[in-house]
Amino acid sequence: MAHTTKRNFTDMFELGVPIDASGSESDRDVLFIYSKVGAMPTRMQGKKVQDTVEFLTVEEATENCHEMNVMFHYRGGARNQCLAIVPQVR
């Protein structure tokens, strides 16, 4: 996994919707979860999974991504929310 700033990510990629300004430290970053080692940034490929949450530039974080899936997630409100990403056959 890696993360980069929301601002840099949305400056580099047109997502098709208005992007809210980061209101606090807890919503200023974008988290990347990679489907396999080859999709990971080159400098992270030899690391163990538990050592791979790094802050990278958006260029580094996406250098080996052939496809980009983006999910918008509202974190507000009083509920505790969880996110599960489940691999699925096309």
PDB file of N, CA and C in Angstrom:
ATOM      1  N   MET A   1       0.843  -1.180   0.000  1.00  0.00           N
ATOM      2  CA  MET A   1       0.000   0.000   0.000  1.00  0.00           C
ATOM      3  C   MET A   1       0.882   1.234   0.000  1.00  0.00           C
ATOM      4  N   ALA A   2       0.318   2.292  -0.506  1.00  0.00           N
ATOM      5  CA  ALA A   2       1.018   3.574  -0.514  1.00  0.00           C
ATOM      6  C   ALA A   2      -0.026   4.674  -0.404  1.00  0.00           C
ATOM      7  N   HIS A   3       0.413   5.856  -0.107  1.00  0.00           N
ATOM      8  CA  HIS A   3      -0.508   6.987  -0.131  1.00  0.00           C
ATOM      9  C   HIS A   3       0.199   8.209  -0.671  1.00  0.00           C
ATOM     10  N   THR A   4      -0.613   9.119  -1.211  1.00  0.00           N
ATOM     11  CA  THR A   4      -0.125  10.368  -1.767  1.00  0.00           C
ATOM     12  C   THR A   4      -1.147  11.444  -1.434  1.00  0.00           C
ATOM     13  N   THR A   5      -0.850  12.683  -1.708  1.00  0.00           N
ATOM     14  CA  THR A   5      -1.817  13.725  -1.365  1.00  0.00           C
ATOM     15  C   THR A   5      -2.994  13.721  -2.337  1.00  0.00           C
ATOM     16  N   LYS A   6      -4.150  13.980  -1.793  1.00  0.00           N
ATOM     17  CA  LYS A   6      -5.367  14.080  -2.591  1.00  0.00           C
ATOM     18  C   LYS A   6      -5.219  15.182  -3.631  1.00  0.00           C
ATOM     19  N   ARG A   7      -4.615  16.278  -3.239  1.00  0.00           N
ATOM     20  CA  ARG A   7      -4.442  17.423  -4.150  1.00  0.00           C
ATOM     21  C   ARG A   7      -3.615  17.023  -5.373  1.00  0.00           C
ATOM     22  N   ASN A   8      -2.468  16.383  -5.152  1.00  0.00           N
ATOM     23  CA  ASN A   8      -1.619  15.969  -6.277  1.00  0.00           C
ATOM     24  C   ASN A   8      -2.317  14.939  -7.158  1.00  0.00           C
ATOM     25  N   PHE A   9      -3.033  14.008  -6.530  1.00  0.00           N
ATOM     26  CA  PHE A   9      -3.723  12.975  -7.294  1.00  0.00           C
ATOM     27  C   PHE A   9      -4.787  13.589  -8.193  1.00  0.00           C
ATOM     28  N   THR A  10      -5.600  14.484  -7.635  1.00  0.00           N
ATOM     29  CA  THR A  10      -6.677  15.080  -8.430  1.00  0.00           C
ATOM     30  C   THR A  10      -6.164  16.108  -9.427  1.00  0.00           C
ATOM     31  N   ASP A  11      -4.971  16.633  -9.210  1.00  0.00           N
ATOM     32  CA  ASP A  11      -4.349  17.500 -10.225  1.00  0.00           C
ATOM     33  C   ASP A  11      -3.861  16.680 -11.417  1.00  0.00           C
ATOM     34  N   MET A  12      -3.432  15.450 -11.162  1.00  0.00           N
ATOM     35  CA  MET A  12      -2.878  14.613 -12.226  1.00  0.00           C
ATOM     36  C   MET A  12      -3.963  13.857 -13.013  1.00  0.00           C
ATOM     37  N   PHE A  13      -5.040  13.469 -12.340  1.00  0.00           N
ATOM     38  CA  PHE A  13      -6.087  12.672 -12.970  1.00  0.00           C
ATOM     39  C   PHE A  13      -7.415  13.421 -12.942  1.00  0.00           C
ATOM     40  N   GLU A  14      -8.081  13.506 -14.093  1.00  0.00           N
ATOM     41  CA  GLU A  14      -9.417  14.094 -14.178  1.00  0.00           C
ATOM     42  C   GLU A  14     -10.413  13.010 -13.793  1.00  0.00           C
ATOM     43  N   LEU A  15     -11.123  13.205 -12.687  1.00  0.00           N
ATOM     44  CA  LEU A  15     -12.015  12.175 -12.166  1.00  0.00           C
ATOM     45  C   LEU A  15     -13.474  12.374 -12.553  1.00  0.00           C
ATOM     46  N   GLY A  16     -13.785  13.487 -13.190  1.00  0.00           N
ATOM     47  CA  GLY A  16     -15.127  13.672 -13.710  1.00  0.00           C
ATOM     48  C   GLY A  16     -16.149  14.218 -12.734  1.00  0.00           C
ATOM     49  N   VAL A  17     -15.760  14.479 -11.512  1.00  0.00           N
ATOM     50  CA  VAL A  17     -16.662  15.057 -10.515  1.00  0.00           C
ATOM     51  C   VAL A  17     -15.927  16.150  -9.761  1.00  0.00           C
ATOM     52  N   PRO A  18     -16.668  17.113  -9.186  1.00  0.00           N
ATOM     53  CA  PRO A  18     -15.993  18.128  -8.361  1.00  0.00           C
ATOM     54  C   PRO A  18     -15.366  17.456  -7.133  1.00  0.00           C
ATOM     55  N   ILE A  19     -14.183  17.865  -6.788  1.00  0.00           N
ATOM     56  CA  ILE A  19     -13.474  17.279  -5.649  1.00  0.00           C
ATOM     57  C   ILE A  19     -13.540  18.240  -4.472  1.00  0.00           C
ATOM     58  N   ASP A  20     -13.976  17.731  -3.324  1.00  0.00           N
ATOM     59  CA  ASP A  20     -14.017  18.539  -2.111  1.00  0.00           C
ATOM     60  C   ASP A  20     -12.607  18.848  -1.660  1.00  0.00           C
ATOM     61  N   ALA A  21     -12.426  20.039  -1.142  1.00  0.00           N
ATOM     62  CA  ALA A  21     -11.133  20.395  -0.555  1.00  0.00           C
ATOM     63  C   ALA A  21     -10.921  19.560   0.696  1.00  0.00           C
ATOM     64  N   SER A  22      -9.679  19.221   0.965  1.00  0.00           N
ATOM     65  CA  SER A  22      -9.380  18.473   2.177  1.00  0.00           C
ATOM     66  C   SER A  22      -9.676  19.353   3.375  1.00  0.00           C
ATOM     67  N   GLY A  23     -10.556  18.890   4.240  1.00  0.00           N
ATOM     68  CA  GLY A  23     -10.952  19.685   5.383  1.00  0.00           C
ATOM     69  C   GLY A  23     -10.119  19.429   6.619  1.00  0.00           C
ATOM     70  N   SER A  24      -9.475  18.295   6.682  1.00  0.00           N
ATOM     71  CA  SER A  24      -8.686  17.966   7.865  1.00  0.00           C
ATOM     72  C   SER A  24      -7.561  17.017   7.474  1.00  0.00           C
ATOM     73  N   GLU A  25      -6.687  16.773   8.408  1.00  0.00           N
ATOM     74  CA  GLU A  25      -5.557  15.878   8.149  1.00  0.00           C
ATOM     75  C   GLU A  25      -6.028  14.472   7.780  1.00  0.00           C
ATOM     76  N   SER A  26      -7.171  14.062   8.314  1.00  0.00           N
ATOM     77  CA  SER A  26      -7.642  12.694   8.089  1.00  0.00           C
ATOM     78  C   SER A  26      -8.218  12.461   6.697  1.00  0.00           C
ATOM     79  N   ASP A  27      -8.450  13.513   5.904  1.00  0.00           N
ATOM     80  CA  ASP A  27      -8.981  13.292   4.555  1.00  0.00           C
ATOM     81  C   ASP A  27      -8.145  13.959   3.477  1.00  0.00           C
ATOM     82  N   ARG A  28      -6.866  14.122   3.722  1.00  0.00           N
ATOM     83  CA  ARG A  28      -6.025  14.818   2.742  1.00  0.00           C
ATOM     84  C   ARG A  28      -5.265  13.878   1.815  1.00  0.00           C
ATOM     85  N   ASP A  29      -5.297  12.571   2.079  1.00  0.00           N
ATOM     86  CA  ASP A  29      -4.506  11.624   1.301  1.00  0.00           C
ATOM     87  C   ASP A  29      -5.372  10.653   0.517  1.00  0.00           C
ATOM     88  N   VAL A  30      -4.766  10.055  -0.506  1.00  0.00           N
ATOM     89  CA  VAL A  30      -5.356   8.980  -1.299  1.00  0.00           C
ATOM     90  C   VAL A  30      -4.567   7.719  -0.977  1.00  0.00           C
ATOM     91  N   LEU A  31      -5.259   6.624  -0.684  1.00  0.00           N
ATOM     92  CA  LEU A  31      -4.620   5.350  -0.366  1.00  0.00           C
ATOM     93  C   LEU A  31      -4.630   4.472  -1.610  1.00  0.00           C
ATOM     94  N   PHE A  32      -3.495   3.869  -1.925  1.00  0.00           N
ATOM     95  CA  PHE A  32      -3.380   2.946  -3.052  1.00  0.00           C
ATOM     96  C   PHE A  32      -3.220   1.531  -2.524  1.00  0.00           C
ATOM     97  N   ILE A  33      -4.024   0.635  -3.048  1.00  0.00           N
ATOM     98  CA  ILE A  33      -3.917  -0.792  -2.747  1.00  0.00           C
ATOM     99  C   ILE A  33      -3.667  -1.473  -4.084  1.00  0.00           C
ATOM    100  N   TYR A  34      -2.609  -2.247  -4.159  1.00  0.00           N
ATOM    101  CA  TYR A  34      -2.181  -2.830  -5.432  1.00  0.00           C
ATOM    102  C   TYR A  34      -2.624  -4.280  -5.540  1.00  0.00           C
ATOM    103  N   SER A  35      -3.007  -4.680  -6.748  1.00  0.00           N
ATOM    104  CA  SER A  35      -3.534  -6.028  -6.966  1.00  0.00           C
ATOM    105  C   SER A  35      -2.450  -7.103  -6.988  1.00  0.00           C
ATOM    106  N   LYS A  36      -1.236  -6.704  -7.332  1.00  0.00           N
ATOM    107  CA  LYS A  36      -0.129  -7.661  -7.346  1.00  0.00           C
ATOM    108  C   LYS A  36       1.184  -6.889  -7.299  1.00  0.00           C
ATOM    109  N   VAL A  37       2.256  -7.588  -7.062  1.00  0.00           N
ATOM    110  CA  VAL A  37       3.565  -6.952  -6.908  1.00  0.00           C
ATOM    111  C   VAL A  37       3.934  -6.113  -8.129  1.00  0.00           C
ATOM    112  N   GLY A  38       3.640  -6.594  -9.327  1.00  0.00           N
ATOM    113  CA  GLY A  38       3.990  -5.866 -10.539  1.00  0.00           C
ATOM    114  C   GLY A  38       3.307  -4.514 -10.669  1.00  0.00           C
ATOM    115  N   ALA A  39       2.194  -4.334  -9.991  1.00  0.00           N
ATOM    116  CA  ALA A  39       1.483  -3.055 -10.025  1.00  0.00           C
ATOM    117  C   ALA A  39       2.066  -2.049  -9.045  1.00  0.00           C
ATOM    118  N   MET A  40       2.818  -2.530  -8.083  1.00  0.00           N
ATOM    119  CA  MET A  40       3.403  -1.654  -7.069  1.00  0.00           C
ATOM    120  C   MET A  40       4.488  -0.772  -7.667  1.00  0.00           C
ATOM    121  N   PRO A  41       4.739   0.388  -7.051  1.00  0.00           N
ATOM    122  CA  PRO A  41       5.866   1.209  -7.495  1.00  0.00           C
ATOM    123  C   PRO A  41       7.158   0.406  -7.426  1.00  0.00           C
ATOM    124  N   THR A  42       8.035   0.625  -8.351  1.00  0.00           N
ATOM    125  CA  THR A  42       9.271  -0.148  -8.452  1.00  0.00           C
ATOM    126  C   THR A  42      10.043  -0.160  -7.139  1.00  0.00           C
ATOM    127  N   ARG A  43      10.148   0.972  -6.476  1.00  0.00           N
ATOM    128  CA  ARG A  43      10.952   1.027  -5.245  1.00  0.00           C
ATOM    129  C   ARG A  43      10.335   0.251  -4.078  1.00  0.00           C
ATOM    130  N   MET A  44       9.074  -0.165  -4.200  1.00  0.00           N
ATOM    131  CA  MET A  44       8.405  -0.919  -3.141  1.00  0.00           C
ATOM    132  C   MET A  44       8.341  -2.412  -3.416  1.00  0.00           C
ATOM    133  N   GLN A  45       8.709  -2.845  -4.598  1.00  0.00           N
ATOM    134  CA  GLN A  45       8.473  -4.226  -4.993  1.00  0.00           C
ATOM    135  C   GLN A  45       9.242  -5.269  -4.193  1.00  0.00           C
ATOM    136  N   GLY A  46      10.354  -4.956  -3.602  1.00  0.00           N
ATOM    137  CA  GLY A  46      11.109  -5.932  -2.826  1.00  0.00           C
ATOM    138  C   GLY A  46      10.786  -5.932  -1.348  1.00  0.00           C
ATOM    139  N   LYS A  47       9.822  -5.133  -0.927  1.00  0.00           N
ATOM    140  CA  LYS A  47       9.512  -5.002   0.492  1.00  0.00           C
ATOM    141  C   LYS A  47       8.425  -5.975   0.920  1.00  0.00           C
ATOM    142  N   LYS A  48       8.412  -6.286   2.213  1.00  0.00           N
ATOM    143  CA  LYS A  48       7.351  -7.104   2.776  1.00  0.00           C
ATOM    144  C   LYS A  48       6.085  -6.273   2.870  1.00  0.00           C
ATOM    145  N   VAL A  49       4.937  -6.920   2.826  1.00  0.00           N
ATOM    146  CA  VAL A  49       3.658  -6.224   2.843  1.00  0.00           C
ATOM    147  C   VAL A  49       3.551  -5.275   4.038  1.00  0.00           C
ATOM    148  N   GLN A  50       3.953  -5.703   5.210  1.00  0.00           N
ATOM    149  CA  GLN A  50       3.819  -4.865   6.396  1.00  0.00           C
ATOM    150  C   GLN A  50       4.724  -3.631   6.358  1.00  0.00           C
ATOM    151  N   ASP A  51       5.663  -3.576   5.433  1.00  0.00           N
ATOM    152  CA  ASP A  51       6.570  -2.433   5.310  1.00  0.00           C
ATOM    153  C   ASP A  51       6.249  -1.560   4.098  1.00  0.00           C
ATOM    154  N   THR A  52       5.079  -1.719   3.510  1.00  0.00           N
ATOM    155  CA  THR A  52       4.829  -1.022   2.251  1.00  0.00           C
ATOM    156  C   THR A  52       3.865   0.150   2.320  1.00  0.00           C
ATOM    157  N   VAL A  53       3.488   0.619   3.493  1.00  0.00           N
ATOM    158  CA  VAL A  53       2.642   1.810   3.540  1.00  0.00           C
ATOM    159  C   VAL A  53       3.580   3.009   3.539  1.00  0.00           C
ATOM    160  N   GLU A  54       3.789   3.552   2.352  1.00  0.00           N
ATOM    161  CA  GLU A  54       4.732   4.650   2.172  1.00  0.00           C
ATOM    162  C   GLU A  54       4.038   5.865   1.608  1.00  0.00           C
ATOM    163  N   PHE A  55       4.580   7.041   1.910  1.00  0.00           N
ATOM    164  CA  PHE A  55       4.105   8.264   1.274  1.00  0.00           C
ATOM    165  C   PHE A  55       4.941   8.467   0.021  1.00  0.00           C
ATOM    166  N   LEU A  56       4.273   8.562  -1.127  1.00  0.00           N
ATOM    167  CA  LEU A  56       4.935   8.703  -2.418  1.00  0.00           C
ATOM    168  C   LEU A  56       4.335   9.872  -3.179  1.00  0.00           C
ATOM    169  N   THR A  57       5.022  10.309  -4.206  1.00  0.00           N
ATOM    170  CA  THR A  57       4.402  11.249  -5.131  1.00  0.00           C
ATOM    171  C   THR A  57       3.363  10.475  -5.927  1.00  0.00           C
ATOM    172  N   VAL A  58       2.419  11.164  -6.526  1.00  0.00           N
ATOM    173  CA  VAL A  58       1.403  10.479  -7.323  1.00  0.00           C
ATOM    174  C   VAL A  58       2.048   9.791  -8.529  1.00  0.00           C
ATOM    175  N   GLU A  59       3.094  10.380  -9.079  1.00  0.00           N
ATOM    176  CA  GLU A  59       3.799   9.750 -10.202  1.00  0.00           C
ATOM    177  C   GLU A  59       4.418   8.421  -9.776  1.00  0.00           C
ATOM    178  N   GLU A  60       5.040   8.382  -8.596  1.00  0.00           N
ATOM    179  CA  GLU A  60       5.625   7.136  -8.098  1.00  0.00           C
ATOM    180  C   GLU A  60       4.540   6.101  -7.796  1.00  0.00           C
ATOM    181  N   ALA A  61       3.482   6.535  -7.132  1.00  0.00           N
ATOM    182  CA  ALA A  61       2.432   5.616  -6.698  1.00  0.00           C
ATOM    183  C   ALA A  61       1.710   4.965  -7.870  1.00  0.00           C
ATOM    184  N   THR A  62       1.680   5.639  -9.013  1.00  0.00           N
ATOM    185  CA  THR A  62       0.931   5.119 -10.163  1.00  0.00           C
ATOM    186  C   THR A  62       1.812   4.676 -11.326  1.00  0.00           C
ATOM    187  N   GLU A  63       3.116   4.643 -11.142  1.00  0.00           N
ATOM    188  CA  GLU A  63       4.026   4.375 -12.257  1.00  0.00           C
ATOM    189  C   GLU A  63       3.789   3.053 -12.968  1.00  0.00           C
ATOM    190  N   ASN A  64       3.321   2.033 -12.274  1.00  0.00           N
ATOM    191  CA  ASN A  64       3.116   0.728 -12.895  1.00  0.00           C
ATOM    192  C   ASN A  64       1.647   0.346 -13.018  1.00  0.00           C
ATOM    193  N   CYS A  65       0.753   1.282 -12.838  1.00  0.00           N
ATOM    194  CA  CYS A  65      -0.687   1.005 -12.936  1.00  0.00           C
ATOM    195  C   CYS A  65      -1.113   1.033 -14.398  1.00  0.00           C
ATOM    196  N   HIS A  66      -1.561  -0.083 -14.894  1.00  0.00           N
ATOM    197  CA  HIS A  66      -2.079  -0.141 -16.259  1.00  0.00           C
ATOM    198  C   HIS A  66      -3.534   0.314 -16.283  1.00  0.00           C
ATOM    199  N   GLU A  67      -4.253   0.091 -15.201  1.00  0.00           N
ATOM    200  CA  GLU A  67      -5.635   0.536 -15.041  1.00  0.00           C
ATOM    201  C   GLU A  67      -5.760   1.176 -13.670  1.00  0.00           C
ATOM    202  N   MET A  68      -6.664   2.172 -13.555  1.00  0.00           N
ATOM    203  CA  MET A  68      -6.891   2.839 -12.279  1.00  0.00           C
ATOM    204  C   MET A  68      -8.368   2.730 -11.934  1.00  0.00           C
ATOM    205  N   ASN A  69      -8.671   2.125 -10.809  1.00  0.00           N
ATOM    206  CA  ASN A  69     -10.035   2.086 -10.290  1.00  0.00           C
ATOM    207  C   ASN A  69     -10.099   3.095  -9.157  1.00  0.00           C
ATOM    208  N   VAL A  70     -11.085   3.975  -9.205  1.00  0.00           N
ATOM    209  CA  VAL A  70     -11.228   5.021  -8.192  1.00  0.00           C
ATOM    210  C   VAL A  70     -12.582   4.852  -7.528  1.00  0.00           C
ATOM    211  N   MET A  71     -12.600   4.904  -6.207  1.00  0.00           N
ATOM    212  CA  MET A  71     -13.832   4.842  -5.454  1.00  0.00           C
ATOM    213  C   MET A  71     -13.911   6.071  -4.567  1.00  0.00           C
ATOM    214  N   PHE A  72     -15.029   6.780  -4.628  1.00  0.00           N
ATOM    215  CA  PHE A  72     -15.249   7.914  -3.741  1.00  0.00           C
ATOM    216  C   PHE A  72     -15.970   7.398  -2.503  1.00  0.00           C
ATOM    217  N   HIS A  73     -15.541   7.857  -1.339  1.00  0.00           N
ATOM    218  CA  HIS A  73     -16.054   7.322  -0.087  1.00  0.00           C
ATOM    219  C   HIS A  73     -16.309   8.460   0.881  1.00  0.00           C
ATOM    220  N   TYR A  74     -17.543   8.618   1.342  1.00  0.00           N
ATOM    221  CA  TYR A  74     -17.887   9.648   2.314  1.00  0.00           C
ATOM    222  C   TYR A  74     -17.612   9.113   3.717  1.00  0.00           C
ATOM    223  N   ARG A  75     -16.746   9.809   4.438  1.00  0.00           N
ATOM    224  CA  ARG A  75     -16.347   9.332   5.759  1.00  0.00           C
ATOM    225  C   ARG A  75     -17.038  10.081   6.888  1.00  0.00           C
ATOM    226  N   GLY A  76     -17.915  11.002   6.579  1.00  0.00           N
ATOM    227  CA  GLY A  76     -18.555  11.811   7.606  1.00  0.00           C
ATOM    228  C   GLY A  76     -19.606  11.041   8.381  1.00  0.00           C
ATOM    229  N   GLY A  77     -20.215  11.716   9.305  1.00  0.00           N
ATOM    230  CA  GLY A  77     -21.273  11.106  10.095  1.00  0.00           C
ATOM    231  C   GLY A  77     -20.729  10.382  11.309  1.00  0.00           C
ATOM    232  N   ALA A  78     -21.636   9.849  12.081  1.00  0.00           N
ATOM    233  CA  ALA A  78     -21.266   9.225  13.356  1.00  0.00           C
ATOM    234  C   ALA A  78     -21.030   7.725  13.241  1.00  0.00           C
ATOM    235  N   ARG A  79     -21.337   7.138  12.082  1.00  0.00           N
ATOM    236  CA  ARG A  79     -21.197   5.687  11.953  1.00  0.00           C
ATOM    237  C   ARG A  79     -19.744   5.284  11.745  1.00  0.00           C
ATOM    238  N   ASN A  80     -19.378   4.144  12.285  1.00  0.00           N
ATOM    239  CA  ASN A  80     -18.081   3.544  11.995  1.00  0.00           C
ATOM    240  C   ASN A  80     -18.226   2.791  10.683  1.00  0.00           C
ATOM    241  N   GLN A  81     -17.437   3.145   9.692  1.00  0.00           N
ATOM    242  CA  GLN A  81     -17.557   2.532   8.374  1.00  0.00           C
ATOM    243  C   GLN A  81     -16.329   1.692   8.065  1.00  0.00           C
ATOM    244  N   CYS A  82     -16.537   0.644   7.312  1.00  0.00           N
ATOM    245  CA  CYS A  82     -15.458  -0.219   6.849  1.00  0.00           C
ATOM    246  C   CYS A  82     -15.547  -0.329   5.340  1.00  0.00           C
ATOM    247  N   LEU A  83     -14.434  -0.609   4.731  1.00  0.00           N
ATOM    248  CA  LEU A  83     -14.377  -0.762   3.286  1.00  0.00           C
ATOM    249  C   LEU A  83     -13.718  -2.099   2.974  1.00  0.00           C
ATOM    250  N   ALA A  84     -14.394  -2.917   2.210  1.00  0.00           N
ATOM    251  CA  ALA A  84     -13.837  -4.205   1.775  1.00  0.00           C
ATOM    252  C   ALA A  84     -13.736  -4.179   0.263  1.00  0.00           C
ATOM    253  N   ILE A  85     -12.575  -4.515  -0.248  1.00  0.00           N
ATOM    254  CA  ILE A  85     -12.370  -4.612  -1.682  1.00  0.00           C
ATOM    255  C   ILE A  85     -12.203  -6.091  -1.988  1.00  0.00           C
ATOM    256  N   VAL A  86     -13.113  -6.623  -2.796  1.00  0.00           N
ATOM    257  CA  VAL A  86     -13.138  -8.059  -3.068  1.00  0.00           C
ATOM    258  C   VAL A  86     -12.786  -8.285  -4.535  1.00  0.00           C
ATOM    259  N   PRO A  87     -11.745  -9.054  -4.818  1.00  0.00           N
ATOM    260  CA  PRO A  87     -11.416  -9.361  -6.210  1.00  0.00           C
ATOM    261  C   PRO A  87     -12.568 -10.095  -6.873  1.00  0.00           C
ATOM    262  N   GLN A  88     -12.792  -9.799  -8.139  1.00  0.00           N
ATOM    263  CA  GLN A  88     -13.912 -10.401  -8.857  1.00  0.00           C
ATOM    264  C   GLN A  88     -13.502 -10.648 -10.302  1.00  0.00           C
ATOM    265  N   VAL A  89     -14.009 -11.721 -10.869  1.00  0.00           N
ATOM    266  CA  VAL A  89     -13.772 -12.023 -12.279  1.00  0.00           C
ATOM    267  C   VAL A  89     -14.523 -11.009 -13.112  1.00  0.00           C
ATOM    268  N   ARG A  90     -13.925 -10.562 -14.201  1.00  0.00           N
ATOM    269  CA  ARG A  90     -14.583  -9.569 -15.084  1.00  0.00           C
ATOM    270  C   ARG A  90     -15.894 -10.058 -15.597  1.00  0.00           C
TER     271      ARG A  90
END
